């Protein structure tokens, strides 16, 4: 699959995409696909992609999906993919399109909106236009962010007004159900938390094991002063799937933002996370866990930008790799010249369960302030034979006593 084919598919899907938003969005889509065509798909010659080879994408002609049918899914049948009950807010997308019949949103505090992005673009076009893409400055020319700009069909829109508290979790569930072709699914999520607001969100991705598809998602967070956003991303795509995700966050003063990335599925996974801390006193936490087997490949690239003084960031990513699977971690802490009194900690720990498993890890510090406390570290190791023996010894002893 080449960049030229994606551009060709855009030309064929342009009329259908135009139905999914206001006129100003069509102009943005055209600009994005033009720039994507210039950039092309990244190769291993690019520093940020040197350990992730996208050649397997070339085995498939991924085409934009506009199939939002439920495919026999029901709310009762979604218990594995959800929390198992209805005591939470749930917004569901099938093949990137909103499914109201599978969603349920409970009573919300005054002014809070939990909806889909297409509805929000029609209801409040100026607000969405001002925010859409504004948290992606670092990824402005990232090819897959541009590809999402061109092809996104829908996604979640969550708006939290000043001091609003949503106590029950909000789950955003993306289900892919291939129907005849290898679909390109392009979710786009926009989360805005005004001053003092709080919410907990779970972003989930699921799909069948036996069919290839490509999920190329973008999620943006705006976390205003004293707001608190707790985010979890659960990726359980099918074994033949490709999952590429870009997340951009803009944090203002004294805010709290936490994201937890859990990656278990997919043939090839790439997560790009960037947080810009723009106001004093903010606290950010990025944690991740990935577990791989077979020939799975999981790549996490993170960047935390300390752009203001007196901010704290904490980052802890862990990987457990089996068989001949591959893992990549590249984490950068960037401290601007005026961001004095920064406190930043970063850690990456990996456990190899097989001699054929491999992980590439590269923690980075880029510091231009002179009064900071920044640490980073990475470890890669295998299970010790003695530890394996002693772990299994109690069970053996119990069997002997019987």
Protein backbone atom coordinates (compact mmCIF):
# COMPACT_ATOMS: atom_id res chain seq x y z
CA UNK A 1 0.00 0.00 0.00
CA UNK A 2 1.60 3.26 -1.14
CA UNK A 3 0.85 6.86 -0.29
CA UNK A 4 -0.31 7.34 -3.88
CA UNK A 5 -3.02 4.69 -3.42
CA UNK A 6 -4.32 6.44 -0.30
CA UNK A 7 -4.55 9.67 -2.29
CA UNK A 8 -6.44 7.84 -5.05
CA UNK A 9 -8.86 6.36 -2.51
CA UNK A 10 -9.44 9.83 -1.08
CA UNK A 11 -10.50 11.10 -4.48
CA UNK A 12 -13.02 8.29 -4.72
CA UNK A 13 -14.34 8.79 -1.18
CA UNK A 14 -14.36 12.58 -1.17
CA UNK A 15 -18.08 12.94 -1.83
CA UNK A 16 -18.97 10.55 0.99
CA UNK A 17 -16.55 12.24 3.39
CA UNK A 18 -18.06 15.63 2.55
CA UNK A 19 -21.34 14.45 4.07
CA UNK A 20 -19.68 13.99 7.46
CA UNK A 21 -18.96 17.59 8.35
CA UNK A 22 -19.21 21.30 7.50
CA UNK A 23 -17.65 22.96 4.46
CA UNK A 24 -14.52 24.16 6.28
CA UNK A 25 -13.65 20.54 7.03
CA UNK A 26 -13.59 19.64 3.33
CA UNK A 27 -10.87 22.23 2.75
CA UNK A 28 -8.84 20.80 5.62
CA UNK A 29 -9.23 17.30 4.25
CA UNK A 30 -7.94 18.32 0.82
CA UNK A 31 -4.95 20.12 2.32
CA UNK A 32 -4.17 17.12 4.53
CA UNK A 33 -4.26 14.49 1.79
CA UNK A 34 -2.14 16.72 -0.46
CA UNK A 35 0.49 17.05 2.28
CA UNK A 36 0.32 13.32 3.02
CA UNK A 37 1.01 12.62 -0.63
CA UNK A 38 4.11 14.81 -0.41
CA UNK A 39 5.35 13.19 2.81
CA UNK A 40 4.65 9.57 1.87
CA UNK A 41 4.66 6.68 4.28
CA UNK A 42 7.60 6.74 6.70
CA UNK A 43 10.45 4.29 6.17
CA UNK A 44 13.13 2.89 8.46
CA UNK A 45 15.48 5.57 7.12
CA UNK A 46 13.60 8.08 9.26
CA UNK A 47 14.99 8.27 12.79
CA UNK A 48 11.56 8.05 14.42
CA UNK A 49 10.72 4.91 12.44
CA UNK A 50 14.09 3.14 12.29
CA UNK A 51 12.88 0.15 14.34
CA UNK A 52 9.38 -0.15 12.85
CA UNK A 53 9.09 -1.39 9.29
CA UNK A 54 5.78 -0.57 7.59
CA UNK A 55 6.36 -2.81 4.58
CA UNK A 56 3.69 -5.32 5.77
CA UNK A 57 1.10 -2.61 5.05
CA UNK A 58 1.93 -3.07 1.39
CA UNK A 59 0.34 -6.52 1.36
CA UNK A 60 -3.15 -4.97 1.57
CA UNK A 61 -5.26 -2.40 -0.27
CA UNK A 62 -6.82 -0.65 2.69
CA UNK A 63 -9.96 1.21 1.69
CA UNK A 64 -11.98 3.74 3.72
CA UNK A 65 -14.89 2.12 5.53
CA UNK A 66 -18.37 3.65 5.62
CA UNK A 67 -20.05 0.50 6.91
CA UNK A 68 -21.57 1.44 10.25
CA UNK A 69 -23.99 -1.50 10.48
CA UNK A 70 -24.14 -3.26 13.83
CA UNK A 71 -23.32 -6.66 12.24
CA UNK A 72 -25.60 -8.42 14.71
CA UNK A 73 -24.03 -6.76 17.75
CA UNK A 74 -26.27 -5.92 20.70
CA UNK A 75 -25.69 -4.13 23.97
CA UNK A 76 -25.99 -7.42 25.85
CA UNK A 77 -23.44 -8.98 23.52
CA UNK A 78 -20.86 -6.29 24.27
CA UNK A 79 -20.18 -7.30 27.86
CA UNK A 80 -16.68 -8.59 27.04
CA UNK A 81 -15.75 -5.29 25.42
CA UNK A 82 -17.32 -3.11 28.14
CA UNK A 83 -17.32 -3.08 31.93
CA UNK A 84 -20.05 -5.71 31.98
CA UNK A 85 -22.82 -3.45 33.29
CA UNK A 86 -24.58 -0.23 32.34
CA UNK A 87 -23.39 1.83 35.30
CA UNK A 88 -21.14 3.91 33.06
CA UNK A 89 -21.41 6.09 29.98
CA UNK A 90 -20.79 4.20 26.75
CA UNK A 91 -20.40 5.58 23.24
CA UNK A 92 -19.82 2.98 20.52
CA UNK A 93 -18.44 3.23 16.99
CA UNK A 94 -18.55 0.42 14.42
CA UNK A 95 -16.00 0.72 11.61
CA UNK A 96 -15.41 4.31 12.68
CA UNK A 97 -19.09 5.36 12.53
CA UNK A 98 -21.27 6.22 15.52
CA UNK A 99 -23.75 3.55 16.60
CA UNK A 100 -26.51 5.14 18.73
CA UNK A 101 -28.29 1.79 19.18
CA UNK A 102 -25.24 0.30 20.90
CA UNK A 103 -24.47 3.38 22.99
CA UNK A 104 -25.95 4.53 26.25
CA UNK A 105 -25.24 7.79 28.06
CA UNK A 106 -26.55 8.22 31.59
CA UNK A 107 -27.71 11.47 33.14
CA UNK A 108 -24.91 14.03 33.02
CA UNK A 109 -24.15 17.17 35.03
CA UNK A 110 -25.38 20.44 33.53
CA UNK A 111 -23.46 21.48 30.45
CA UNK A 112 -21.52 18.24 30.02
CA UNK A 113 -21.59 16.74 26.50
CA UNK A 114 -20.76 13.12 25.71
CA UNK A 115 -21.50 12.64 22.04
CA UNK A 116 -19.97 11.94 18.66
CA UNK A 117 -17.77 14.38 16.76
CA UNK A 118 -19.95 14.65 13.64
CA UNK A 119 -22.88 15.83 15.77
CA UNK A 120 -20.62 18.29 17.61
CA UNK A 121 -19.30 19.73 14.32
CA UNK A 122 -22.86 20.45 13.25
CA UNK A 123 -24.08 21.71 16.64
CA UNK A 124 -21.04 23.86 17.54
CA UNK A 125 -18.92 24.25 14.40
CA UNK A 126 -16.85 27.22 15.59
CA UNK A 127 -15.87 25.52 18.84
CA UNK A 128 -14.80 22.31 17.10
CA UNK A 129 -12.97 24.18 14.33
CA UNK A 130 -10.95 26.15 16.90
CA UNK A 131 -9.89 23.01 18.78
CA UNK A 132 -9.55 20.36 16.09
CA UNK A 133 -5.84 19.90 15.44
CA UNK A 134 -4.76 22.57 17.94
CA UNK A 135 -3.19 19.99 20.29
CA UNK A 136 -1.20 18.39 17.46
CA UNK A 137 1.48 21.02 16.92
CA UNK A 138 4.24 18.48 17.52
CA UNK A 139 2.66 16.14 14.95
CA UNK A 140 1.77 18.83 12.45
CA UNK A 141 3.67 17.08 9.67
CA UNK A 142 3.40 13.50 10.89
CA UNK A 143 2.17 11.41 7.94
CA UNK A 144 -0.40 9.35 9.84
CA UNK A 145 -1.85 12.39 11.61
CA UNK A 146 -2.29 13.95 8.17
CA UNK A 147 -3.88 10.75 6.89
CA UNK A 148 -6.38 10.88 9.74
CA UNK A 149 -7.15 14.54 8.96
CA UNK A 150 -8.13 13.44 5.46
CA UNK A 151 -10.10 10.28 6.21
CA UNK A 152 -11.62 10.48 9.69
CA UNK A 153 -15.28 9.58 9.71
CA UNK A 154 -16.31 10.16 13.33
CA UNK A 155 -15.20 9.75 16.92
CA UNK A 156 -15.99 10.84 20.43
CA UNK A 157 -16.63 14.40 21.56
CA UNK A 158 -16.51 15.05 25.29
CA UNK A 159 -16.95 18.54 26.69
CA UNK A 160 -16.64 19.29 30.41
CA UNK A 161 -17.59 22.85 31.42
CA UNK A 162 -16.02 24.71 34.32
CA UNK A 163 -15.97 22.70 37.60
CA UNK A 164 -18.05 19.85 36.14
CA UNK A 165 -17.42 16.40 37.63
CA UNK A 166 -18.42 13.23 35.81
CA UNK A 167 -18.09 10.55 38.47
CA UNK A 168 -19.01 7.54 36.34
CA UNK A 169 -16.45 6.41 33.73
CA UNK A 170 -16.93 7.33 30.08
CA UNK A 171 -16.06 4.46 27.75
CA UNK A 172 -15.36 5.14 24.08
CA UNK A 173 -15.51 1.81 22.25
CA UNK A 174 -14.29 1.28 18.68
CA UNK A 175 -15.30 -2.01 17.07
CA UNK A 176 -14.04 -3.04 13.64
CA UNK A 177 -16.00 -5.55 11.58
CA UNK A 178 -14.39 -6.06 8.13
CA UNK A 179 -16.90 -6.73 5.37
CA UNK A 180 -15.29 -7.99 2.17
CA UNK A 181 -12.27 -5.66 2.08
CA UNK A 182 -9.40 -4.64 4.35
CA UNK A 183 -10.93 -1.48 5.85
CA UNK A 184 -9.16 1.72 6.83
CA UNK A 185 -10.83 2.97 10.03
CA UNK A 186 -9.95 6.53 11.08
CA UNK A 187 -11.38 7.54 14.48
CA UNK A 188 -10.97 11.12 15.72
CA UNK A 189 -11.60 12.02 19.37
CA UNK A 190 -11.78 15.49 20.90
CA UNK A 191 -11.80 15.88 24.70
CA UNK A 192 -12.07 19.34 26.27
CA UNK A 193 -11.98 19.86 30.06
CA UNK A 194 -12.49 23.43 31.22
CA UNK A 195 -11.19 24.90 34.51
CA UNK A 196 -11.62 22.59 37.49
CA UNK A 197 -13.42 19.82 35.59
CA UNK A 198 -12.91 16.09 36.18
CA UNK A 199 -13.60 12.93 34.21
CA UNK A 200 -12.32 9.41 33.74
CA UNK A 201 -12.26 8.03 30.20
CA UNK A 202 -11.59 4.57 28.74
CA UNK A 203 -10.71 4.40 25.04
CA UNK A 204 -11.07 0.80 23.77
CA UNK A 205 -10.30 -0.89 20.43
CA UNK A 206 -11.52 -4.37 19.44
CA UNK A 207 -11.62 -6.44 16.26
CA UNK A 208 -11.65 -10.00 14.90
CA UNK A 209 -8.45 -12.05 14.76
CA UNK A 210 -8.73 -13.51 11.28
CA UNK A 211 -9.11 -10.36 9.12
CA UNK A 212 -6.61 -7.61 8.31
CA UNK A 213 -7.60 -3.97 8.82
CA UNK A 214 -5.91 -0.68 9.64
CA UNK A 215 -6.96 1.57 12.51
CA UNK A 216 -5.41 5.04 12.24
CA UNK A 217 -6.72 7.08 15.16
CA UNK A 218 -6.11 10.53 16.62
CA UNK A 219 -7.13 11.71 20.09
CA UNK A 220 -6.75 15.28 21.35
CA UNK A 221 -7.02 16.49 24.95
CA UNK A 222 -7.35 20.05 26.22
CA UNK A 223 -6.93 20.18 29.99
CA UNK A 224 -7.49 23.66 31.42
CA UNK A 225 -6.35 25.11 34.74
CA UNK A 226 -7.02 22.90 37.76
CA UNK A 227 -8.79 20.32 35.58
CA UNK A 228 -8.16 16.60 36.12
CA UNK A 229 -8.42 14.03 33.32
CA UNK A 230 -7.76 10.33 33.90
CA UNK A 231 -7.43 8.41 30.62
CA UNK A 232 -7.02 4.71 29.82
CA UNK A 233 -6.38 3.31 26.37
CA UNK A 234 -7.03 -0.42 25.91
CA UNK A 235 -5.91 -1.87 22.58
CA UNK A 236 -7.14 -5.40 21.91
CA UNK A 237 -7.23 -5.40 18.13
CA UNK A 238 -7.31 -8.64 16.12
CA UNK A 239 -4.06 -10.54 15.57
CA UNK A 240 -3.95 -9.56 11.87
CA UNK A 241 -4.73 -5.88 12.47
CA UNK A 242 -2.54 -2.80 12.19
CA UNK A 243 -3.07 -0.12 14.84
CA UNK A 244 -1.52 3.34 14.55
CA UNK A 245 -2.49 6.04 17.03
CA UNK A 246 -1.53 9.66 17.65
CA UNK A 247 -2.37 11.51 20.85
CA UNK A 248 -1.81 15.19 21.52
CA UNK A 249 -2.46 16.88 24.87
CA UNK A 250 -2.31 20.54 25.87
CA UNK A 251 -2.16 21.07 29.62
CA UNK A 252 -2.60 24.40 31.38
CA UNK A 253 -1.47 25.51 34.84
CA UNK A 254 -2.09 23.37 37.96
CA UNK A 255 -3.89 20.72 35.89
CA UNK A 256 -3.60 16.95 36.20
CA UNK A 257 -3.45 14.58 33.25
CA UNK A 258 -2.86 10.84 33.43
CA UNK A 259 -2.91 8.32 30.60
CA UNK A 260 -2.45 4.56 30.78
CA UNK A 261 -1.76 2.66 27.55
CA UNK A 262 -2.44 -1.10 27.51
CA UNK A 263 -1.47 -2.85 24.25
CA UNK A 264 -2.23 -6.54 23.86
CA UNK A 265 -3.53 -7.10 20.30
CA UNK A 266 -2.60 -6.28 16.75
CA UNK A 267 0.06 -7.49 14.36
CA UNK A 268 1.75 -4.08 14.32
CA UNK A 269 1.05 -1.30 16.80
CA UNK A 270 2.46 2.22 16.90
CA UNK A 271 1.49 4.73 19.60
CA UNK A 272 2.72 8.34 19.38
CA UNK A 273 1.94 10.31 22.55
CA UNK A 274 2.80 13.99 23.09
CA UNK A 275 1.96 16.16 26.10
CA UNK A 276 2.72 19.89 26.20
CA UNK A 277 2.62 21.42 29.69
CA UNK A 278 1.97 25.09 29.00
CA UNK A 279 1.19 26.46 32.49
CA UNK A 280 2.97 26.38 35.83
CA UNK A 281 2.22 23.72 38.41
CA UNK A 282 0.90 21.03 36.09
CA UNK A 283 1.37 17.31 36.72
CA UNK A 284 1.41 14.74 33.93
CA UNK A 285 1.72 10.96 34.09
CA UNK A 286 2.20 8.58 31.14
CA UNK A 287 2.20 4.86 31.93
CA UNK A 288 2.11 1.91 29.58
CA UNK A 289 2.12 -1.88 29.48
CA UNK A 290 2.44 -4.08 26.41
CA UNK A 291 2.51 -7.86 26.16
CA UNK A 292 3.47 -9.53 22.87
CA UNK A 293 3.71 -13.01 21.43
CA UNK A 294 4.24 -14.62 18.03
CA UNK A 295 5.51 -12.01 15.57
CA UNK A 296 3.69 -9.04 17.12
CA UNK A 297 5.38 -5.64 17.01
CA UNK A 298 4.56 -2.81 19.45
CA UNK A 299 6.19 0.64 19.26
CA UNK A 300 5.68 3.45 21.78
CA UNK A 301 7.07 6.92 21.03
CA UNK A 302 6.38 9.49 23.74
CA UNK A 303 7.31 13.11 24.31
CA UNK A 304 6.56 15.29 27.32
CA UNK A 305 7.20 18.97 26.69
CA UNK A 306 7.89 21.03 29.82
CA UNK A 307 7.14 24.51 28.49
CA UNK A 308 6.47 26.22 31.85
CA UNK A 309 8.13 26.26 35.27
CA UNK A 310 7.27 24.17 38.35
CA UNK A 311 5.75 21.23 36.46
CA UNK A 312 6.11 17.52 37.19
CA UNK A 313 5.97 14.54 34.87
CA UNK A 314 6.23 10.82 35.51
CA UNK A 315 6.55 8.11 32.91
CA UNK A 316 6.73 4.35 33.38
CA UNK A 317 6.45 1.91 30.46
CA UNK A 318 6.81 -1.85 30.78
CA UNK A 319 6.94 -4.62 28.19
CA UNK A 320 6.69 -8.41 28.38
CA UNK A 321 7.78 -10.05 25.13
CA UNK A 322 7.54 -13.69 24.08
CA UNK A 323 8.33 -15.82 21.01
CA UNK A 324 9.92 -13.73 18.23
CA UNK A 325 7.96 -10.55 18.98
CA UNK A 326 9.44 -7.06 18.92
CA UNK A 327 9.05 -4.01 21.13
CA UNK A 328 10.18 -0.40 20.78
CA UNK A 329 10.22 2.41 23.33
CA UNK A 330 11.45 5.91 22.58
CA UNK A 331 10.64 8.47 25.25
CA UNK A 332 11.78 12.09 25.24
CA UNK A 333 11.56 14.65 28.02
CA UNK A 334 11.90 18.16 26.60
CA UNK A 335 12.53 21.06 29.00
CA UNK A 336 12.29 24.58 27.59
CA UNK A 337 14.73 27.29 28.70
CA UNK A 338 12.22 29.05 30.98
CA UNK A 339 10.84 25.82 32.50
CA UNK A 340 12.83 26.08 35.74
CA UNK A 341 12.11 23.79 38.72
CA UNK A 342 11.00 20.99 36.41
CA UNK A 343 10.79 17.55 38.02
CA UNK A 344 10.65 14.75 35.44
CA UNK A 345 11.14 11.01 35.85
CA UNK A 346 11.10 8.39 33.10
CA UNK A 347 11.50 4.62 33.24
CA UNK A 348 11.25 1.77 30.75
CA UNK A 349 11.53 -1.86 31.89
CA UNK A 350 11.28 -4.90 29.63
CA UNK A 351 11.15 -8.63 30.28
CA UNK A 352 12.05 -11.06 27.50
CA UNK A 353 10.43 -14.49 27.76
CA UNK A 354 12.24 -15.88 24.72
CA UNK A 355 15.76 -15.66 23.34
CA UNK A 356 14.23 -14.64 20.01
CA UNK A 357 12.29 -11.69 21.44
CA UNK A 358 13.85 -8.27 20.97
CA UNK A 359 13.27 -4.79 22.33
CA UNK A 360 14.85 -1.46 21.32
CA UNK A 361 14.68 1.20 24.02
CA UNK A 362 15.87 4.80 23.90
CA UNK A 363 15.01 7.20 26.75
CA UNK A 364 16.03 10.79 25.99
CA UNK A 365 16.47 14.10 27.82
CA UNK A 366 16.62 17.45 26.00
CA UNK A 367 17.08 20.15 28.62
CA UNK A 368 17.60 23.89 28.14
CA UNK A 369 16.86 25.06 31.72
CA UNK A 370 19.53 24.96 34.43
CA UNK A 371 17.48 24.36 37.60
CA UNK A 372 15.75 21.04 37.02
CA UNK A 373 15.63 17.51 38.34
CA UNK A 374 15.30 14.98 35.50
CA UNK A 375 16.05 11.26 35.53
CA UNK A 376 15.58 8.45 33.06
CA UNK A 377 16.50 4.79 32.78
CA UNK A 378 15.83 1.58 30.88
CA UNK A 379 16.32 -2.11 31.59
CA UNK A 380 16.01 -5.24 29.46
CA UNK A 381 16.28 -8.69 31.02
CA UNK A 382 15.20 -12.31 30.92
CA UNK A 383 13.63 -14.52 33.55
CA UNK A 384 16.23 -16.10 35.77
CA UNK A 385 16.20 -19.93 35.64
CA UNK A 386 16.39 -20.15 39.44
CA UNK A 387 13.48 -17.75 39.83
CA UNK A 388 11.37 -19.89 37.51
CA UNK A 389 12.25 -22.97 39.56
CA UNK A 390 11.40 -21.41 42.91
CA UNK A 391 8.18 -19.89 41.55
CA UNK A 392 6.91 -23.34 40.62
CA UNK A 393 8.29 -25.11 43.71
CA UNK A 394 5.33 -24.47 46.09
CA UNK A 395 2.86 -26.03 43.66
CA UNK A 396 5.13 -29.10 43.32
CA UNK A 397 5.42 -29.43 47.08
CA UNK A 398 1.66 -29.21 47.54
CA UNK A 399 1.20 -31.97 44.97
CA UNK A 400 3.73 -34.15 46.76
CA UNK A 401 1.94 -33.75 50.10
CA UNK A 402 -1.33 -34.92 48.60
